N, C-alpha and C. Protein backbone atom coordinates (compact mmCIF):
# COMPACT_ATOMS: atom_id res chain seq x y z
N MET A 1 48.35 -170.85 -2.07
CA MET A 1 46.90 -170.76 -2.15
C MET A 1 46.44 -171.40 -3.45
N ASP A 2 45.37 -172.20 -3.39
CA ASP A 2 44.88 -172.84 -4.60
C ASP A 2 43.93 -171.89 -5.34
N PRO A 3 43.55 -172.23 -6.60
CA PRO A 3 42.71 -171.33 -7.38
C PRO A 3 41.34 -171.07 -6.77
N ASP A 4 40.90 -171.94 -5.85
CA ASP A 4 39.59 -171.74 -5.25
C ASP A 4 39.64 -171.05 -3.90
N GLY A 5 40.77 -170.39 -3.57
CA GLY A 5 40.82 -169.55 -2.40
C GLY A 5 41.17 -170.24 -1.10
N GLY A 6 41.66 -171.46 -1.16
CA GLY A 6 42.03 -172.17 0.06
C GLY A 6 43.52 -172.36 0.14
N ASN A 7 43.96 -172.97 1.23
CA ASN A 7 45.35 -173.33 1.35
C ASN A 7 45.43 -174.69 2.00
N ALA A 8 46.66 -175.21 2.13
CA ALA A 8 46.84 -176.57 2.61
C ALA A 8 46.42 -176.72 4.07
N GLU A 9 46.49 -175.66 4.88
CA GLU A 9 46.20 -175.77 6.30
C GLU A 9 44.71 -175.87 6.61
N SER A 10 43.87 -175.19 5.86
CA SER A 10 42.46 -175.19 6.18
C SER A 10 41.62 -175.32 4.91
N ALA A 11 40.54 -176.05 5.05
CA ALA A 11 39.64 -176.21 3.91
C ALA A 11 38.86 -174.92 3.73
N PRO A 12 38.77 -174.41 2.51
CA PRO A 12 38.01 -173.18 2.29
C PRO A 12 36.51 -173.44 2.43
N THR A 13 35.80 -172.41 2.83
CA THR A 13 34.35 -172.52 2.93
C THR A 13 33.75 -172.49 1.52
N PRO A 14 32.56 -173.03 1.36
CA PRO A 14 31.91 -172.96 0.05
C PRO A 14 31.78 -171.51 -0.44
N GLN A 15 31.50 -170.58 0.48
CA GLN A 15 31.38 -169.18 0.09
C GLN A 15 32.69 -168.67 -0.51
N ARG A 16 33.81 -169.04 0.10
CA ARG A 16 35.11 -168.58 -0.40
C ARG A 16 35.47 -169.25 -1.73
N ILE A 17 35.06 -170.50 -1.90
CA ILE A 17 35.29 -171.18 -3.18
C ILE A 17 34.52 -170.46 -4.28
N LEU A 18 33.25 -170.16 -4.02
CA LEU A 18 32.45 -169.44 -5.01
C LEU A 18 33.06 -168.07 -5.27
N ALA A 19 33.48 -167.38 -4.22
CA ALA A 19 34.09 -166.06 -4.39
C ALA A 19 35.36 -166.16 -5.24
N ALA A 20 36.19 -167.14 -4.99
CA ALA A 20 37.42 -167.30 -5.77
C ALA A 20 37.10 -167.56 -7.23
N ARG A 21 36.07 -168.34 -7.48
CA ARG A 21 35.68 -168.63 -8.87
C ARG A 21 35.14 -167.38 -9.55
N LEU A 22 34.32 -166.62 -8.85
CA LEU A 22 33.80 -165.38 -9.43
C LEU A 22 34.93 -164.38 -9.69
N ASN A 23 35.88 -164.29 -8.77
CA ASN A 23 37.01 -163.39 -8.97
C ASN A 23 37.88 -163.84 -10.14
N LEU A 24 38.03 -165.14 -10.32
CA LEU A 24 38.79 -165.65 -11.46
C LEU A 24 38.07 -165.31 -12.76
N LEU A 25 36.74 -165.40 -12.75
CA LEU A 25 35.97 -165.01 -13.93
C LEU A 25 36.11 -163.51 -14.20
N MET A 26 36.13 -162.71 -13.14
CA MET A 26 36.35 -161.27 -13.32
C MET A 26 37.74 -161.02 -13.90
N ASP A 27 38.74 -161.78 -13.45
CA ASP A 27 40.09 -161.65 -14.03
C ASP A 27 40.08 -162.01 -15.51
N ALA A 28 39.34 -163.06 -15.86
CA ALA A 28 39.26 -163.46 -17.27
C ALA A 28 38.62 -162.37 -18.11
N VAL A 29 37.60 -161.70 -17.57
CA VAL A 29 36.96 -160.58 -18.27
C VAL A 29 37.97 -159.45 -18.44
N THR A 30 38.77 -159.20 -17.41
CA THR A 30 39.78 -158.16 -17.49
C THR A 30 40.75 -158.44 -18.62
N VAL A 31 41.18 -159.69 -18.74
CA VAL A 31 42.09 -160.08 -19.82
C VAL A 31 41.41 -159.89 -21.17
N GLN A 32 40.14 -160.28 -21.24
CA GLN A 32 39.40 -160.23 -22.50
C GLN A 32 39.11 -158.81 -22.97
N GLN A 33 38.68 -157.94 -22.04
CA GLN A 33 38.26 -156.60 -22.47
C GLN A 33 39.15 -155.49 -21.94
N GLY A 34 40.19 -155.84 -21.19
CA GLY A 34 41.12 -154.83 -20.72
C GLY A 34 40.77 -154.18 -19.40
N ARG A 35 39.64 -154.56 -18.84
CA ARG A 35 39.21 -154.04 -17.54
C ARG A 35 38.13 -154.96 -17.00
N PRO A 36 37.98 -155.00 -15.68
CA PRO A 36 36.92 -155.85 -15.11
C PRO A 36 35.56 -155.20 -15.29
N TYR A 37 34.54 -156.01 -15.14
CA TYR A 37 33.19 -155.45 -15.09
C TYR A 37 33.07 -154.60 -13.83
N THR A 38 32.35 -153.53 -13.92
CA THR A 38 31.99 -152.78 -12.71
C THR A 38 30.80 -153.49 -12.06
N ALA A 39 30.55 -153.16 -10.81
CA ALA A 39 29.38 -153.74 -10.13
C ALA A 39 28.11 -153.38 -10.90
N ALA A 40 28.03 -152.15 -11.36
CA ALA A 40 26.83 -151.72 -12.10
C ALA A 40 26.64 -152.54 -13.39
N GLU A 41 27.75 -152.87 -14.05
CA GLU A 41 27.65 -153.67 -15.27
C GLU A 41 27.16 -155.08 -14.96
N VAL A 42 27.71 -155.69 -13.91
CA VAL A 42 27.27 -157.04 -13.54
C VAL A 42 25.79 -157.02 -13.18
N ILE A 43 25.38 -156.03 -12.41
CA ILE A 43 23.97 -155.92 -12.01
C ILE A 43 23.08 -155.79 -13.24
N ALA A 44 23.49 -154.97 -14.19
CA ALA A 44 22.70 -154.78 -15.42
C ALA A 44 22.69 -156.06 -16.26
N LEU A 45 23.83 -156.73 -16.37
CA LEU A 45 23.89 -157.96 -17.16
C LEU A 45 23.05 -159.07 -16.55
N VAL A 46 23.06 -159.17 -15.24
CA VAL A 46 22.23 -160.16 -14.55
C VAL A 46 20.76 -159.79 -14.72
N ALA A 47 20.44 -158.52 -14.63
CA ALA A 47 19.05 -158.06 -14.81
C ALA A 47 18.54 -158.40 -16.20
N HIS A 48 19.44 -158.35 -17.18
CA HIS A 48 19.09 -158.72 -18.56
C HIS A 48 18.58 -160.16 -18.63
N HIS A 49 19.01 -160.98 -17.69
CA HIS A 49 18.57 -162.38 -17.62
C HIS A 49 17.41 -162.55 -16.63
N GLY A 50 16.80 -161.42 -16.23
CA GLY A 50 15.61 -161.46 -15.40
C GLY A 50 15.85 -161.69 -13.91
N VAL A 51 17.07 -161.40 -13.45
CA VAL A 51 17.39 -161.63 -12.05
C VAL A 51 17.86 -160.33 -11.41
N SER A 52 17.39 -160.08 -10.20
CA SER A 52 17.77 -158.88 -9.47
C SER A 52 19.00 -159.18 -8.62
N LEU A 53 19.96 -158.25 -8.62
CA LEU A 53 21.18 -158.38 -7.82
C LEU A 53 21.53 -157.00 -7.28
N SER A 54 21.70 -156.91 -5.98
CA SER A 54 22.07 -155.62 -5.39
C SER A 54 23.59 -155.49 -5.37
N ARG A 55 24.05 -154.28 -5.26
CA ARG A 55 25.49 -154.00 -5.16
C ARG A 55 26.08 -154.70 -3.92
N ALA A 56 25.34 -154.66 -2.82
CA ALA A 56 25.82 -155.29 -1.58
C ALA A 56 25.94 -156.81 -1.75
N ARG A 57 24.94 -157.42 -2.36
CA ARG A 57 24.99 -158.88 -2.55
C ARG A 57 26.13 -159.26 -3.48
N TRP A 58 26.38 -158.49 -4.52
CA TRP A 58 27.50 -158.75 -5.43
C TRP A 58 28.81 -158.68 -4.64
N SER A 59 28.92 -157.70 -3.78
CA SER A 59 30.12 -157.57 -2.95
C SER A 59 30.28 -158.79 -2.03
N TYR A 60 29.19 -159.23 -1.43
CA TYR A 60 29.25 -160.42 -0.56
C TYR A 60 29.70 -161.63 -1.35
N LEU A 61 29.20 -161.77 -2.56
CA LEU A 61 29.57 -162.91 -3.39
C LEU A 61 31.06 -162.87 -3.73
N LEU A 62 31.56 -161.69 -4.10
CA LEU A 62 32.98 -161.56 -4.47
C LEU A 62 33.91 -161.73 -3.29
N ASN A 63 33.44 -161.39 -2.10
CA ASN A 63 34.29 -161.48 -0.91
C ASN A 63 34.12 -162.77 -0.13
N GLY A 64 33.14 -163.58 -0.50
CA GLY A 64 32.92 -164.85 0.19
C GLY A 64 32.37 -164.69 1.59
N THR A 65 31.67 -163.59 1.80
CA THR A 65 31.10 -163.33 3.11
C THR A 65 29.59 -163.59 3.07
N ARG A 66 29.01 -163.72 4.22
CA ARG A 66 27.58 -164.02 4.39
C ARG A 66 27.32 -165.47 4.00
N ALA A 67 26.06 -165.84 3.96
CA ALA A 67 25.66 -167.22 3.66
C ALA A 67 25.89 -167.53 2.18
N LEU A 68 26.15 -168.79 1.90
CA LEU A 68 26.29 -169.24 0.53
C LEU A 68 24.96 -169.08 -0.19
N THR A 69 24.98 -168.49 -1.36
CA THR A 69 23.73 -168.30 -2.09
C THR A 69 23.19 -169.63 -2.58
N SER A 70 21.91 -169.81 -2.43
CA SER A 70 21.24 -170.99 -2.96
C SER A 70 20.27 -170.57 -4.06
N ASP A 71 20.39 -169.33 -4.50
CA ASP A 71 19.52 -168.77 -5.53
C ASP A 71 19.97 -169.28 -6.90
N ALA A 72 19.34 -170.37 -7.33
CA ALA A 72 19.72 -171.01 -8.59
C ALA A 72 19.58 -170.05 -9.77
N ARG A 73 18.55 -169.21 -9.76
CA ARG A 73 18.36 -168.26 -10.88
C ARG A 73 19.53 -167.29 -10.98
N LEU A 74 20.03 -166.83 -9.82
CA LEU A 74 21.16 -165.92 -9.81
C LEU A 74 22.41 -166.60 -10.34
N LEU A 75 22.67 -167.82 -9.90
CA LEU A 75 23.86 -168.54 -10.36
C LEU A 75 23.79 -168.84 -11.85
N VAL A 76 22.61 -169.17 -12.34
CA VAL A 76 22.43 -169.40 -13.79
C VAL A 76 22.69 -168.11 -14.55
N ALA A 77 22.16 -166.99 -14.05
CA ALA A 77 22.36 -165.70 -14.72
C ALA A 77 23.85 -165.32 -14.72
N LEU A 78 24.53 -165.52 -13.60
CA LEU A 78 25.96 -165.21 -13.53
C LEU A 78 26.76 -166.10 -14.49
N ALA A 79 26.38 -167.37 -14.58
CA ALA A 79 27.06 -168.27 -15.52
C ALA A 79 26.88 -167.77 -16.96
N LYS A 80 25.69 -167.29 -17.27
CA LYS A 80 25.44 -166.75 -18.61
C LYS A 80 26.26 -165.48 -18.85
N VAL A 81 26.31 -164.61 -17.85
CA VAL A 81 27.07 -163.37 -17.98
C VAL A 81 28.54 -163.67 -18.26
N PHE A 82 29.10 -164.66 -17.55
CA PHE A 82 30.52 -164.97 -17.69
C PHE A 82 30.79 -166.06 -18.71
N GLU A 83 29.73 -166.55 -19.36
CA GLU A 83 29.84 -167.54 -20.42
C GLU A 83 30.56 -168.81 -19.97
N VAL A 84 30.11 -169.34 -18.83
CA VAL A 84 30.63 -170.60 -18.31
C VAL A 84 29.46 -171.54 -18.02
N GLU A 85 29.78 -172.81 -17.85
CA GLU A 85 28.76 -173.79 -17.48
C GLU A 85 28.26 -173.47 -16.06
N VAL A 86 26.99 -173.64 -15.84
CA VAL A 86 26.39 -173.38 -14.53
C VAL A 86 27.06 -174.22 -13.45
N GLU A 87 27.46 -175.43 -13.79
CA GLU A 87 28.07 -176.33 -12.81
C GLU A 87 29.31 -175.71 -12.16
N TYR A 88 30.02 -174.85 -12.88
CA TYR A 88 31.22 -174.21 -12.32
C TYR A 88 30.87 -173.38 -11.09
N LEU A 89 29.69 -172.79 -11.07
CA LEU A 89 29.28 -171.96 -9.95
C LEU A 89 28.41 -172.72 -8.95
N VAL A 90 27.93 -173.89 -9.33
CA VAL A 90 27.05 -174.66 -8.46
C VAL A 90 27.78 -175.82 -7.80
N ASP A 91 28.54 -176.59 -8.59
CA ASP A 91 29.26 -177.76 -8.06
C ASP A 91 30.62 -177.31 -7.55
N LEU A 92 30.67 -176.88 -6.32
CA LEU A 92 31.90 -176.32 -5.76
C LEU A 92 32.92 -177.38 -5.39
N GLN A 93 32.55 -178.65 -5.53
CA GLN A 93 33.50 -179.75 -5.30
C GLN A 93 34.29 -180.07 -6.58
N SER A 94 33.76 -179.65 -7.72
CA SER A 94 34.39 -179.93 -9.00
C SER A 94 35.71 -179.16 -9.13
N THR A 95 36.67 -179.80 -9.76
CA THR A 95 37.96 -179.15 -10.00
C THR A 95 38.10 -178.73 -11.46
N LEU A 96 37.06 -178.93 -12.24
CA LEU A 96 37.11 -178.52 -13.64
C LEU A 96 37.13 -177.00 -13.75
N VAL A 97 37.96 -176.50 -14.65
CA VAL A 97 38.08 -175.06 -14.88
C VAL A 97 37.50 -174.77 -16.25
N PRO A 98 36.61 -173.78 -16.36
CA PRO A 98 36.02 -173.46 -17.67
C PRO A 98 37.11 -173.12 -18.69
N GLU A 99 36.84 -173.47 -19.93
CA GLU A 99 37.79 -173.22 -21.02
C GLU A 99 38.17 -171.74 -21.09
N LEU A 100 37.19 -170.86 -20.91
CA LEU A 100 37.43 -169.42 -20.94
C LEU A 100 38.52 -169.04 -19.95
N VAL A 101 38.43 -169.58 -18.75
CA VAL A 101 39.39 -169.26 -17.70
C VAL A 101 40.70 -169.99 -17.93
N GLU A 102 40.61 -171.27 -18.23
CA GLU A 102 41.83 -172.07 -18.42
C GLU A 102 42.72 -171.48 -19.50
N SER A 103 42.12 -171.01 -20.57
CA SER A 103 42.91 -170.45 -21.67
C SER A 103 43.59 -169.15 -21.28
N ARG A 104 43.15 -168.54 -20.18
CA ARG A 104 43.71 -167.24 -19.79
C ARG A 104 44.44 -167.27 -18.45
N ILE A 105 44.50 -168.44 -17.79
CA ILE A 105 45.09 -168.51 -16.46
C ILE A 105 46.54 -168.03 -16.45
N GLU A 106 47.33 -168.48 -17.39
CA GLU A 106 48.74 -168.06 -17.41
C GLU A 106 48.85 -166.55 -17.61
N LEU A 107 48.05 -166.00 -18.50
CA LEU A 107 48.07 -164.56 -18.72
C LEU A 107 47.59 -163.82 -17.47
N ILE A 108 46.57 -164.35 -16.81
CA ILE A 108 46.08 -163.75 -15.57
C ILE A 108 47.19 -163.75 -14.53
N ARG A 109 47.89 -164.88 -14.38
CA ARG A 109 48.98 -164.96 -13.42
C ARG A 109 50.07 -163.95 -13.74
N ARG A 110 50.42 -163.83 -15.00
CA ARG A 110 51.45 -162.88 -15.42
C ARG A 110 51.02 -161.43 -15.16
N LEU A 111 49.75 -161.14 -15.44
CA LEU A 111 49.25 -159.78 -15.19
C LEU A 111 49.29 -159.45 -13.70
N ARG A 112 48.92 -160.42 -12.87
CA ARG A 112 48.99 -160.19 -11.42
C ARG A 112 50.43 -159.94 -10.99
N GLU A 113 51.37 -160.75 -11.51
CA GLU A 113 52.79 -160.55 -11.18
C GLU A 113 53.27 -159.19 -11.65
N ALA A 114 52.82 -158.79 -12.84
CA ALA A 114 53.24 -157.49 -13.37
C ALA A 114 52.74 -156.36 -12.48
N ARG A 115 51.52 -156.50 -11.96
CA ARG A 115 51.00 -155.48 -11.05
C ARG A 115 51.84 -155.40 -9.78
N VAL A 116 52.22 -156.57 -9.26
CA VAL A 116 53.05 -156.61 -8.06
C VAL A 116 54.42 -156.01 -8.36
N GLN A 117 55.00 -156.37 -9.49
CA GLN A 117 56.31 -155.85 -9.85
C GLN A 117 56.25 -154.33 -10.06
N SER A 118 55.19 -153.87 -10.70
CA SER A 118 55.04 -152.44 -10.92
C SER A 118 54.91 -151.70 -9.59
N PHE A 119 54.12 -152.25 -8.70
CA PHE A 119 53.98 -151.65 -7.38
C PHE A 119 55.32 -151.63 -6.65
N ALA A 120 56.04 -152.75 -6.71
CA ALA A 120 57.34 -152.83 -6.04
C ALA A 120 58.31 -151.81 -6.62
N ALA A 121 58.31 -151.67 -7.93
CA ALA A 121 59.22 -150.72 -8.58
C ALA A 121 58.90 -149.29 -8.15
N ARG A 122 57.63 -148.97 -8.05
CA ARG A 122 57.25 -147.62 -7.61
C ARG A 122 57.59 -147.41 -6.14
N SER A 123 57.52 -148.48 -5.37
CA SER A 123 57.73 -148.38 -3.92
C SER A 123 59.19 -148.17 -3.54
N VAL A 124 60.12 -148.69 -4.34
CA VAL A 124 61.52 -148.58 -3.96
C VAL A 124 62.15 -147.26 -4.40
N GLY A 125 61.41 -146.48 -5.14
CA GLY A 125 61.94 -145.18 -5.56
C GLY A 125 62.91 -145.32 -6.72
N GLU A 126 63.88 -144.44 -6.74
CA GLU A 126 64.85 -144.42 -7.83
C GLU A 126 65.86 -145.55 -7.69
N ILE A 127 65.91 -146.42 -8.69
CA ILE A 127 66.94 -147.45 -8.73
C ILE A 127 67.58 -147.41 -10.10
N SER A 128 68.78 -147.92 -10.17
CA SER A 128 69.53 -147.82 -11.43
C SER A 128 68.94 -148.75 -12.49
N PRO A 129 69.07 -148.36 -13.76
CA PRO A 129 68.60 -149.21 -14.84
C PRO A 129 69.26 -150.59 -14.81
N GLY A 130 70.53 -150.64 -14.41
CA GLY A 130 71.23 -151.92 -14.34
C GLY A 130 70.59 -152.85 -13.32
N LEU A 131 70.23 -152.31 -12.17
CA LEU A 131 69.58 -153.12 -11.15
C LEU A 131 68.20 -153.58 -11.62
N VAL A 132 67.46 -152.72 -12.31
CA VAL A 132 66.17 -153.10 -12.86
C VAL A 132 66.33 -154.27 -13.82
N ARG A 133 67.34 -154.19 -14.72
CA ARG A 133 67.59 -155.27 -15.67
C ARG A 133 67.95 -156.56 -14.92
N HIS A 134 68.78 -156.44 -13.87
CA HIS A 134 69.18 -157.61 -13.11
C HIS A 134 67.96 -158.27 -12.45
N ILE A 135 67.08 -157.47 -11.88
CA ILE A 135 65.87 -158.00 -11.25
C ILE A 135 64.97 -158.66 -12.29
N ALA A 136 64.79 -158.00 -13.42
CA ALA A 136 63.95 -158.56 -14.49
C ALA A 136 64.53 -159.87 -15.00
N ASP A 137 65.86 -159.94 -15.16
CA ASP A 137 66.50 -161.18 -15.60
C ASP A 137 66.26 -162.30 -14.59
N TYR A 138 66.39 -161.97 -13.31
CA TYR A 138 66.17 -162.97 -12.27
C TYR A 138 64.75 -163.50 -12.32
N ILE A 139 63.77 -162.61 -12.44
CA ILE A 139 62.36 -163.02 -12.49
C ILE A 139 62.12 -163.89 -13.72
N GLU A 140 62.68 -163.50 -14.85
CA GLU A 140 62.49 -164.28 -16.07
C GLU A 140 63.10 -165.67 -15.93
N LYS A 141 64.31 -165.74 -15.34
CA LYS A 141 64.94 -167.06 -15.13
C LYS A 141 64.12 -167.89 -14.17
N ARG A 142 63.60 -167.28 -13.13
CA ARG A 142 62.78 -168.00 -12.16
C ARG A 142 61.53 -168.54 -12.83
N ASP A 143 60.89 -167.73 -13.68
CA ASP A 143 59.68 -168.17 -14.36
C ASP A 143 59.97 -169.31 -15.33
N ALA A 144 61.18 -169.32 -15.88
CA ALA A 144 61.57 -170.37 -16.80
C ALA A 144 61.99 -171.65 -16.07
N GLY A 145 62.09 -171.55 -14.72
CA GLY A 145 62.43 -172.72 -13.93
C GLY A 145 63.90 -172.89 -13.68
N GLY A 146 64.70 -171.90 -14.00
CA GLY A 146 66.13 -172.03 -13.80
C GLY A 146 66.66 -171.00 -12.82
N ASP A 147 66.54 -171.27 -11.51
CA ASP A 147 67.01 -170.32 -10.49
C ASP A 147 68.44 -170.06 -10.66
C-alpha cells in the first residue's frame, strides 16, 4: 500500500487519498505530542480558524467516505491546524510530502510496527525470553536489510 492509501491493483479515490494524508498528519501529531488529536480537539482547532466541522464530517474525512470535500475554507483551516501547505490537502495528484511528515515517516513506521509487535506478543501468550530475543533479532536484521 502506498502512503496515499492505494495499491498497485486499483487507483485510490480522491477521498481515500485525502483520508490517507489526514491520517498521516494525525500520525505525525501522535509522534510530536505522544497522542493523536481527539475529534473534539480538531473541531475546536478548526473552529479557531473560523470554520465549522462536525464530528461526523471529521470521521468521513478520516475514513475517505462520502463525497470529496470541496470546502476550501475547511481544507485551509485543516492545513493550518496540521501546519502544512494547503496544497498537500488540495492537490491530491502531488507526491510531495510535507517536511513535518517526512521528518517523522520512519518513526511513524517504527511505531506502527511496534504496535503490531506488541499486539502479536500479547496474542501468543507466554513465550520464552529466548524466543522473544530470537524474534527481535530477526526483525532487526530484516529492518537492516539482511535477511
